[in-house]
Amino acid sequence: ADSNGNLYVTTGTGSFDATIGGGISFAKLTPNGS
C-alpha cells in the first residue's frame, strides 16, 4: 500500500474487462469510503 491508502495487487489469468482489468493485470485498489 502507499501513503495515500491505495492497495496494489497483481492477478494471474482469467477473464479481462477493459474498464477495470482482471485477467493478467497490475491494479490499484482504492478504499471507497464505505
ModelCIF file with pLDDT and N, C-alpha, C, O atoms, coordinates in Angstrom:
data_MODEL
#
_entry.id   MODEL 
#
_entity.id                         1 
_entity.type                       polymer 
_entity.pdbx_number_of_molecules   1 
#
_entity_poly.entity_id                      1 
_entity_poly.type                           'polypeptide(L)' 
_entity_poly.nstd_linkage                   no 
_entity_poly.nstd_monomer                   no 
_entity_poly.pdbx_seq_one_letter_code       ADSNGNLYVTTGTGSFDATIGGGISFAKLTPNGS 
_entity_poly.pdbx_seq_one_letter_code_can   ADSNGNLYVTTGTGSFDATIGGGISFAKLTPNGS 
_entity_poly.pdbx_strand_id                 A 
#
loop_
_entity_poly_seq.entity_id 
_entity_poly_seq.num 
_entity_poly_seq.mon_id 
_entity_poly_seq.hetero 
1 1  ALA n 
1 2  ASP n 
1 3  SER n 
1 4  ASN n 
1 5  GLY n 
1 6  ASN n 
1 7  LEU n 
1 8  TYR n 
1 9  VAL n 
1 10 THR n 
1 11 THR n 
1 12 GLY n 
1 13 THR n 
1 14 GLY n 
1 15 SER n 
1 16 PHE n 
1 17 ASP n 
1 18 ALA n 
1 19 THR n 
1 20 ILE n 
1 21 GLY n 
1 22 GLY n 
1 23 GLY n 
1 24 ILE n 
1 25 SER n 
1 26 PHE n 
1 27 ALA n 
1 28 LYS n 
1 29 LEU n 
1 30 THR n 
1 31 PRO n 
1 32 ASN n 
1 33 GLY n 
1 34 SER n 
#
_struct_asym.id          A 
_struct_asym.entity_id   1 
#
loop_
_ma_qa_metric.id 
_ma_qa_metric.mode 
_ma_qa_metric.name 
_ma_qa_metric.software_group_id 
_ma_qa_metric.type 
1 global pLDDT . pLDDT 
2 local  pLDDT . pLDDT 
#
_ma_qa_metric_global.metric_id      1 
_ma_qa_metric_global.metric_value   92.21 
_ma_qa_metric_global.model_id       1 
_ma_qa_metric_global.ordinal_id     1 
#
loop_
_ma_qa_metric_local.label_asym_id 
_ma_qa_metric_local.label_comp_id 
_ma_qa_metric_local.label_seq_id 
_ma_qa_metric_local.metric_id 
_ma_qa_metric_local.metric_value 
_ma_qa_metric_local.model_id 
_ma_qa_metric_local.ordinal_id 
A ALA 1  2 95.00 1 1  
A ASP 2  2 93.00 1 2  
A SER 3  2 90.00 1 3  
A ASN 4  2 92.00 1 4  
A GLY 5  2 94.00 1 5  
A ASN 6  2 96.00 1 6  
A LEU 7  2 97.00 1 7  
A TYR 8  2 97.00 1 8  
A VAL 9  2 96.00 1 9  
A THR 10 2 94.00 1 10 
A THR 11 2 93.00 1 11 
A GLY 12 2 87.00 1 12 
A THR 13 2 88.00 1 13 
A GLY 14 2 91.00 1 14 
A SER 15 2 93.00 1 15 
A PHE 16 2 93.00 1 16 
A ASP 17 2 92.00 1 17 
A ALA 18 2 92.00 1 18 
A THR 19 2 92.00 1 19 
A ILE 20 2 92.00 1 20 
A GLY 21 2 92.00 1 21 
A GLY 22 2 91.00 1 22 
A GLY 23 2 90.00 1 23 
A ILE 24 2 90.00 1 24 
A SER 25 2 92.00 1 25 
A PHE 26 2 93.00 1 26 
A ALA 27 2 95.00 1 27 
A LYS 28 2 96.00 1 28 
A LEU 29 2 97.00 1 29 
A THR 30 2 97.00 1 30 
A PRO 31 2 95.00 1 31 
A ASN 32 2 92.00 1 32 
A GLY 33 2 82.00 1 33 
A SER 34 2 76.00 1 34 
#
loop_
_atom_site.group_PDB 
_atom_site.id 
_atom_site.type_symbol 
_atom_site.label_atom_id 
_atom_site.label_alt_id 
_atom_site.label_comp_id 
_atom_site.label_asym_id 
_atom_site.label_entity_id 
_atom_site.label_seq_id 
_atom_site.pdbx_PDB_ins_code 
_atom_site.Cartn_x 
_atom_site.Cartn_y 
_atom_site.Cartn_z 
_atom_site.occupancy 
_atom_site.B_iso_or_equiv 
_atom_site.pdbx_formal_charge 
_atom_site.auth_seq_id 
_atom_site.auth_comp_id 
_atom_site.auth_asym_id 
_atom_site.auth_atom_id 
_atom_site.pdbx_PDB_model_num 
ATOM 1   N N  . ALA A 1 1  ? 0.851   -1.187  0.000   1.00 95.00 ? 1  ALA A N  1 
ATOM 2   C CA . ALA A 1 1  ? 0.000   0.000   0.000   1.00 95.00 ? 1  ALA A CA 1 
ATOM 3   C C  . ALA A 1 1  ? 0.886   1.236   0.000   1.00 95.00 ? 1  ALA A C  1 
ATOM 4   O O  . ALA A 1 1  ? 2.044   1.184   0.417   1.00 95.00 ? 1  ALA A O  1 
ATOM 5   N N  . ASP A 1 2  ? 0.331   2.354   -0.473  1.00 93.00 ? 2  ASP A N  1 
ATOM 6   C CA . ASP A 1 2  ? 1.092   3.593   -0.473  1.00 93.00 ? 2  ASP A CA 1 
ATOM 7   C C  . ASP A 1 2  ? 0.617   4.512   0.646   1.00 93.00 ? 2  ASP A C  1 
ATOM 8   O O  . ASP A 1 2  ? -0.298  4.174   1.397   1.00 93.00 ? 2  ASP A O  1 
ATOM 9   N N  . SER A 1 3  ? 1.242   5.664   0.745   1.00 90.00 ? 3  SER A N  1 
ATOM 10  C CA . SER A 1 3  ? 0.943   6.585   1.847   1.00 90.00 ? 3  SER A CA 1 
ATOM 11  C C  . SER A 1 3  ? -0.443  7.212   1.722   1.00 90.00 ? 3  SER A C  1 
ATOM 12  O O  . SER A 1 3  ? -0.934  7.811   2.679   1.00 90.00 ? 3  SER A O  1 
ATOM 13  N N  . ASN A 1 4  ? -1.079  7.086   0.563   1.00 92.00 ? 4  ASN A N  1 
ATOM 14  C CA . ASN A 1 4  ? -2.424  7.611   0.374   1.00 92.00 ? 4  ASN A CA 1 
ATOM 15  C C  . ASN A 1 4  ? -3.504  6.572   0.655   1.00 92.00 ? 4  ASN A C  1 
ATOM 16  O O  . ASN A 1 4  ? -4.693  6.849   0.499   1.00 92.00 ? 4  ASN A O  1 
ATOM 17  N N  . GLY A 1 5  ? -3.086  5.375   1.070   1.00 94.00 ? 5  GLY A N  1 
ATOM 18  C CA . GLY A 1 5  ? -4.046  4.344   1.431   1.00 94.00 ? 5  GLY A CA 1 
ATOM 19  C C  . GLY A 1 5  ? -4.508  3.470   0.286   1.00 94.00 ? 5  GLY A C  1 
ATOM 20  O O  . GLY A 1 5  ? -5.476  2.724   0.433   1.00 94.00 ? 5  GLY A O  1 
ATOM 21  N N  . ASN A 1 6  ? -3.822  3.547   -0.876  1.00 96.00 ? 6  ASN A N  1 
ATOM 22  C CA . ASN A 1 6  ? -4.159  2.692   -2.005  1.00 96.00 ? 6  ASN A CA 1 
ATOM 23  C C  . ASN A 1 6  ? -3.475  1.336   -1.874  1.00 96.00 ? 6  ASN A C  1 
ATOM 24  O O  . ASN A 1 6  ? -2.333  1.259   -1.422  1.00 96.00 ? 6  ASN A O  1 
ATOM 25  N N  . LEU A 1 7  ? -4.164  0.268   -2.267  1.00 97.00 ? 7  LEU A N  1 
ATOM 26  C CA . LEU A 1 7  ? -3.617  -1.076  -2.263  1.00 97.00 ? 7  LEU A CA 1 
ATOM 27  C C  . LEU A 1 7  ? -3.215  -1.450  -3.685  1.00 97.00 ? 7  LEU A C  1 
ATOM 28  O O  . LEU A 1 7  ? -3.789  -0.948  -4.651  1.00 97.00 ? 7  LEU A O  1 
ATOM 29  N N  . TYR A 1 8  ? -2.218  -2.341  -3.808  1.00 97.00 ? 8  TYR A N  1 
ATOM 30  C CA . TYR A 1 8  ? -1.760  -2.774  -5.124  1.00 97.00 ? 8  TYR A CA 1 
ATOM 31  C C  . TYR A 1 8  ? -1.730  -4.299  -5.170  1.00 97.00 ? 8  TYR A C  1 
ATOM 32  O O  . TYR A 1 8  ? -1.171  -4.951  -4.288  1.00 97.00 ? 8  TYR A O  1 
ATOM 33  N N  . VAL A 1 9  ? -2.341  -4.854  -6.215  1.00 96.00 ? 9  VAL A N  1 
ATOM 34  C CA . VAL A 1 9  ? -2.393  -6.303  -6.367  1.00 96.00 ? 9  VAL A CA 1 
ATOM 35  C C  . VAL A 1 9  ? -2.075  -6.673  -7.810  1.00 96.00 ? 9  VAL A C  1 
ATOM 36  O O  . VAL A 1 9  ? -2.249  -5.863  -8.720  1.00 96.00 ? 9  VAL A O  1 
ATOM 37  N N  . THR A 1 10 ? -1.610  -7.896  -8.009  1.00 94.00 ? 10 THR A N  1 
ATOM 38  C CA . THR A 1 10 ? -1.437  -8.439  -9.346  1.00 94.00 ? 10 THR A CA 1 
ATOM 39  C C  . THR A 1 10 ? -2.296  -9.680  -9.481  1.00 94.00 ? 10 THR A C  1 
ATOM 40  O O  . THR A 1 10 ? -2.497  -10.416 -8.514  1.00 94.00 ? 10 THR A O  1 
ATOM 41  N N  . THR A 1 11 ? -2.806  -9.911  -10.690 1.00 93.00 ? 11 THR A N  1 
ATOM 42  C CA . THR A 1 11 ? -3.672  -11.052 -10.938 1.00 93.00 ? 11 THR A CA 1 
ATOM 43  C C  . THR A 1 11 ? -3.064  -11.934 -12.022 1.00 93.00 ? 11 THR A C  1 
ATOM 44  O O  . THR A 1 11 ? -2.304  -11.462 -12.867 1.00 93.00 ? 11 THR A O  1 
ATOM 45  N N  . GLY A 1 12 ? -3.411  -13.230 -11.988 1.00 87.00 ? 12 GLY A N  1 
ATOM 46  C CA . GLY A 1 12 ? -2.879  -14.164 -12.958 1.00 87.00 ? 12 GLY A CA 1 
ATOM 47  C C  . GLY A 1 12 ? -3.971  -14.973 -13.627 1.00 87.00 ? 12 GLY A C  1 
ATOM 48  O O  . GLY A 1 12 ? -4.646  -15.766 -12.971 1.00 87.00 ? 12 GLY A O  1 
ATOM 49  N N  . THR A 1 13 ? -4.155  -14.784 -14.922 1.00 88.00 ? 13 THR A N  1 
ATOM 50  C CA . THR A 1 13 ? -5.116  -15.495 -15.774 1.00 88.00 ? 13 THR A CA 1 
ATOM 51  C C  . THR A 1 13 ? -6.561  -15.218 -15.388 1.00 88.00 ? 13 THR A C  1 
ATOM 52  O O  . THR A 1 13 ? -6.848  -14.775 -14.276 1.00 88.00 ? 13 THR A O  1 
ATOM 53  N N  . GLY A 1 14 ? -7.461  -15.484 -16.319 1.00 91.00 ? 14 GLY A N  1 
ATOM 54  C CA . GLY A 1 14 ? -8.878  -15.273 -16.073 1.00 91.00 ? 14 GLY A CA 1 
ATOM 55  C C  . GLY A 1 14 ? -9.485  -14.278 -17.044 1.00 91.00 ? 14 GLY A C  1 
ATOM 56  O O  . GLY A 1 14 ? -8.838  -13.841 -17.995 1.00 91.00 ? 14 GLY A O  1 
ATOM 57  N N  . SER A 1 15 ? -10.729 -13.930 -16.791 1.00 93.00 ? 15 SER A N  1 
ATOM 58  C CA . SER A 1 15 ? -11.442 -13.025 -17.693 1.00 93.00 ? 15 SER A CA 1 
ATOM 59  C C  . SER A 1 15 ? -10.947 -11.592 -17.505 1.00 93.00 ? 15 SER A C  1 
ATOM 60  O O  . SER A 1 15 ? -10.563 -11.184 -16.409 1.00 93.00 ? 15 SER A O  1 
ATOM 61  N N  . PHE A 1 16 ? -10.967 -10.847 -18.597 1.00 93.00 ? 16 PHE A N  1 
ATOM 62  C CA . PHE A 1 16 ? -10.443 -9.480  -18.634 1.00 93.00 ? 16 PHE A CA 1 
ATOM 63  C C  . PHE A 1 16 ? -11.562 -8.506  -18.971 1.00 93.00 ? 16 PHE A C  1 
ATOM 64  O O  . PHE A 1 16 ? -12.401 -8.781  -19.828 1.00 93.00 ? 16 PHE A O  1 
ATOM 65  N N  . ASP A 1 17 ? -11.567 -7.362  -18.288 1.00 92.00 ? 17 ASP A N  1 
ATOM 66  C CA . ASP A 1 17 ? -12.529 -6.287  -18.524 1.00 92.00 ? 17 ASP A CA 1 
ATOM 67  C C  . ASP A 1 17 ? -11.731 -5.033  -18.871 1.00 92.00 ? 17 ASP A C  1 
ATOM 68  O O  . ASP A 1 17 ? -10.888 -4.598  -18.087 1.00 92.00 ? 17 ASP A O  1 
ATOM 69  N N  . ALA A 1 18 ? -11.990 -4.462  -20.021 1.00 92.00 ? 18 ALA A N  1 
ATOM 70  C CA . ALA A 1 18 ? -11.204 -3.321  -20.494 1.00 92.00 ? 18 ALA A CA 1 
ATOM 71  C C  . ALA A 1 18 ? -11.364 -2.078  -19.625 1.00 92.00 ? 18 ALA A C  1 
ATOM 72  O O  . ALA A 1 18 ? -10.589 -1.131  -19.765 1.00 92.00 ? 18 ALA A O  1 
ATOM 73  N N  . THR A 1 19 ? -12.355 -2.059  -18.729 1.00 92.00 ? 19 THR A N  1 
ATOM 74  C CA . THR A 1 19 ? -12.566 -0.881  -17.884 1.00 92.00 ? 19 THR A CA 1 
ATOM 75  C C  . THR A 1 19 ? -11.873 -1.007  -16.519 1.00 92.00 ? 19 THR A C  1 
ATOM 76  O O  . THR A 1 19 ? -11.531 0.006   -15.907 1.00 92.00 ? 19 THR A O  1 
ATOM 77  N N  . ILE A 1 20 ? -11.663 -2.238  -16.039 1.00 92.00 ? 20 ILE A N  1 
ATOM 78  C CA . ILE A 1 20 ? -11.057 -2.409  -14.708 1.00 92.00 ? 20 ILE A CA 1 
ATOM 79  C C  . ILE A 1 20 ? -9.906  -3.412  -14.692 1.00 92.00 ? 20 ILE A C  1 
ATOM 80  O O  . ILE A 1 20 ? -9.250  -3.569  -13.662 1.00 92.00 ? 20 ILE A O  1 
ATOM 81  N N  . GLY A 1 21 ? -9.646  -4.091  -15.803 1.00 92.00 ? 21 GLY A N  1 
ATOM 82  C CA . GLY A 1 21 ? -8.552  -5.061  -15.821 1.00 92.00 ? 21 GLY A CA 1 
ATOM 83  C C  . GLY A 1 21 ? -9.023  -6.463  -15.493 1.00 92.00 ? 21 GLY A C  1 
ATOM 84  O O  . GLY A 1 21 ? -10.042 -6.922  -16.007 1.00 92.00 ? 21 GLY A O  1 
ATOM 85  N N  . GLY A 1 22 ? -8.286  -7.132  -14.644 1.00 91.00 ? 22 GLY A N  1 
ATOM 86  C CA . GLY A 1 22 ? -8.528  -8.546  -14.406 1.00 91.00 ? 22 GLY A CA 1 
ATOM 87  C C  . GLY A 1 22 ? -7.642  -9.352  -15.323 1.00 91.00 ? 22 GLY A C  1 
ATOM 88  O O  . GLY A 1 22 ? -6.712  -8.805  -15.915 1.00 91.00 ? 22 GLY A O  1 
ATOM 89  N N  . GLY A 1 23 ? -7.909  -10.656 -15.459 1.00 90.00 ? 23 GLY A N  1 
ATOM 90  C CA . GLY A 1 23 ? -7.037  -11.480 -16.288 1.00 90.00 ? 23 GLY A CA 1 
ATOM 91  C C  . GLY A 1 23 ? -5.615  -11.403 -15.784 1.00 90.00 ? 23 GLY A C  1 
ATOM 92  O O  . GLY A 1 23 ? -5.322  -11.834 -14.669 1.00 90.00 ? 23 GLY A O  1 
ATOM 93  N N  . ILE A 1 24 ? -4.730  -10.857 -16.596 1.00 90.00 ? 24 ILE A N  1 
ATOM 94  C CA . ILE A 1 24 ? -3.336  -10.626 -16.206 1.00 90.00 ? 24 ILE A CA 1 
ATOM 95  C C  . ILE A 1 24 ? -3.152  -9.121  -16.055 1.00 90.00 ? 24 ILE A C  1 
ATOM 96  O O  . ILE A 1 24 ? -3.028  -8.410  -17.052 1.00 90.00 ? 24 ILE A O  1 
ATOM 97  N N  . SER A 1 25 ? -3.134  -8.631  -14.825 1.00 92.00 ? 25 SER A N  1 
ATOM 98  C CA . SER A 1 25 ? -3.102  -7.188  -14.592 1.00 92.00 ? 25 SER A CA 1 
ATOM 99  C C  . SER A 1 25 ? -2.345  -6.826  -13.313 1.00 92.00 ? 25 SER A C  1 
ATOM 100 O O  . SER A 1 25 ? -2.168  -7.643  -12.409 1.00 92.00 ? 25 SER A O  1 
ATOM 101 N N  . PHE A 1 26 ? -1.913  -5.583  -13.281 1.00 93.00 ? 26 PHE A N  1 
ATOM 102 C CA . PHE A 1 26 ? -1.367  -4.929  -12.089 1.00 93.00 ? 26 PHE A CA 1 
ATOM 103 C C  . PHE A 1 26 ? -2.369  -3.833  -11.760 1.00 93.00 ? 26 PHE A C  1 
ATOM 104 O O  . PHE A 1 26 ? -2.591  -2.937  -12.574 1.00 93.00 ? 26 PHE A O  1 
ATOM 105 N N  . ALA A 1 27 ? -2.978  -3.889  -10.578 1.00 95.00 ? 27 ALA A N  1 
ATOM 106 C CA . ALA A 1 27 ? -4.108  -2.998  -10.303 1.00 95.00 ? 27 ALA A CA 1 
ATOM 107 C C  . ALA A 1 27 ? -3.924  -2.188  -9.024  1.00 95.00 ? 27 ALA A C  1 
ATOM 108 O O  . ALA A 1 27 ? -3.287  -2.620  -8.064  1.00 95.00 ? 27 ALA A O  1 
ATOM 109 N N  . LYS A 1 28 ? -4.506  -1.001  -9.057  1.00 96.00 ? 28 LYS A N  1 
ATOM 110 C CA . LYS A 1 28 ? -4.561  -0.099  -7.906  1.00 96.00 ? 28 LYS A CA 1 
ATOM 111 C C  . LYS A 1 28 ? -5.976  -0.127  -7.355  1.00 96.00 ? 28 LYS A C  1 
ATOM 112 O O  . LYS A 1 28 ? -6.934  0.171   -8.068  1.00 96.00 ? 28 LYS A O  1 
ATOM 113 N N  . LEU A 1 29 ? -6.103  -0.487  -6.084  1.00 97.00 ? 29 LEU A N  1 
ATOM 114 C CA . LEU A 1 29 ? -7.406  -0.537  -5.423  1.00 97.00 ? 29 LEU A CA 1 
ATOM 115 C C  . LEU A 1 29 ? -7.471  0.579   -4.384  1.00 97.00 ? 29 LEU A C  1 
ATOM 116 O O  . LEU A 1 29 ? -6.558  0.742   -3.574  1.00 97.00 ? 29 LEU A O  1 
ATOM 117 N N  . THR A 1 30 ? -8.547  1.335   -4.417  1.00 97.00 ? 30 THR A N  1 
ATOM 118 C CA . THR A 1 30 ? -8.686  2.489   -3.524  1.00 97.00 ? 30 THR A CA 1 
ATOM 119 C C  . THR A 1 30 ? -9.908  2.308   -2.635  1.00 97.00 ? 30 THR A C  1 
ATOM 120 O O  . THR A 1 30 ? -10.998 2.049   -3.144  1.00 97.00 ? 30 THR A O  1 
ATOM 121 N N  . PRO A 1 31 ? -9.752  2.439   -1.304  1.00 95.00 ? 31 PRO A N  1 
ATOM 122 C CA . PRO A 1 31 ? -10.920 2.381   -0.418  1.00 95.00 ? 31 PRO A CA 1 
ATOM 123 C C  . PRO A 1 31 ? -11.949 3.419   -0.842  1.00 95.00 ? 31 PRO A C  1 
ATOM 124 O O  . PRO A 1 31 ? -11.599 4.563   -1.130  1.00 95.00 ? 31 PRO A O  1 
ATOM 125 N N  . ASN A 1 32 ? -13.227 3.019   -0.880  1.00 92.00 ? 32 ASN A N  1 
ATOM 126 C CA . ASN A 1 32 ? -14.266 3.905   -1.410  1.00 92.00 ? 32 ASN A CA 1 
ATOM 127 C C  . ASN A 1 32 ? -15.030 4.669   -0.344  1.00 92.00 ? 32 ASN A C  1 
ATOM 128 O O  . ASN A 1 32 ? -16.000 5.360   -0.658  1.00 92.00 ? 32 ASN A O  1 
ATOM 129 N N  . GLY A 1 33 ? -14.610 4.558   0.921   1.00 82.00 ? 33 GLY A N  1 
ATOM 130 C CA . GLY A 1 33 ? -15.263 5.319   1.975   1.00 82.00 ? 33 GLY A CA 1 
ATOM 131 C C  . GLY A 1 33 ? -16.423 4.606   2.630   1.00 82.00 ? 33 GLY A C  1 
ATOM 132 O O  . GLY A 1 33 ? -16.893 5.031   3.684   1.00 82.00 ? 33 GLY A O  1 
ATOM 133 N N  . SER A 1 34 ? -16.896 3.521   2.021   1.00 76.00 ? 34 SER A N  1 
ATOM 134 C CA . SER A 1 34 ? -17.997 2.762   2.607   1.00 76.00 ? 34 SER A CA 1 
ATOM 135 C C  . SER A 1 34 ? -17.556 1.351   2.981   1.00 76.00 ? 34 SER A C  1 
ATOM 136 O O  . SER A 1 34 ? -18.358 0.568   3.491   1.00 76.00 ? 34 SER A O  1 
#
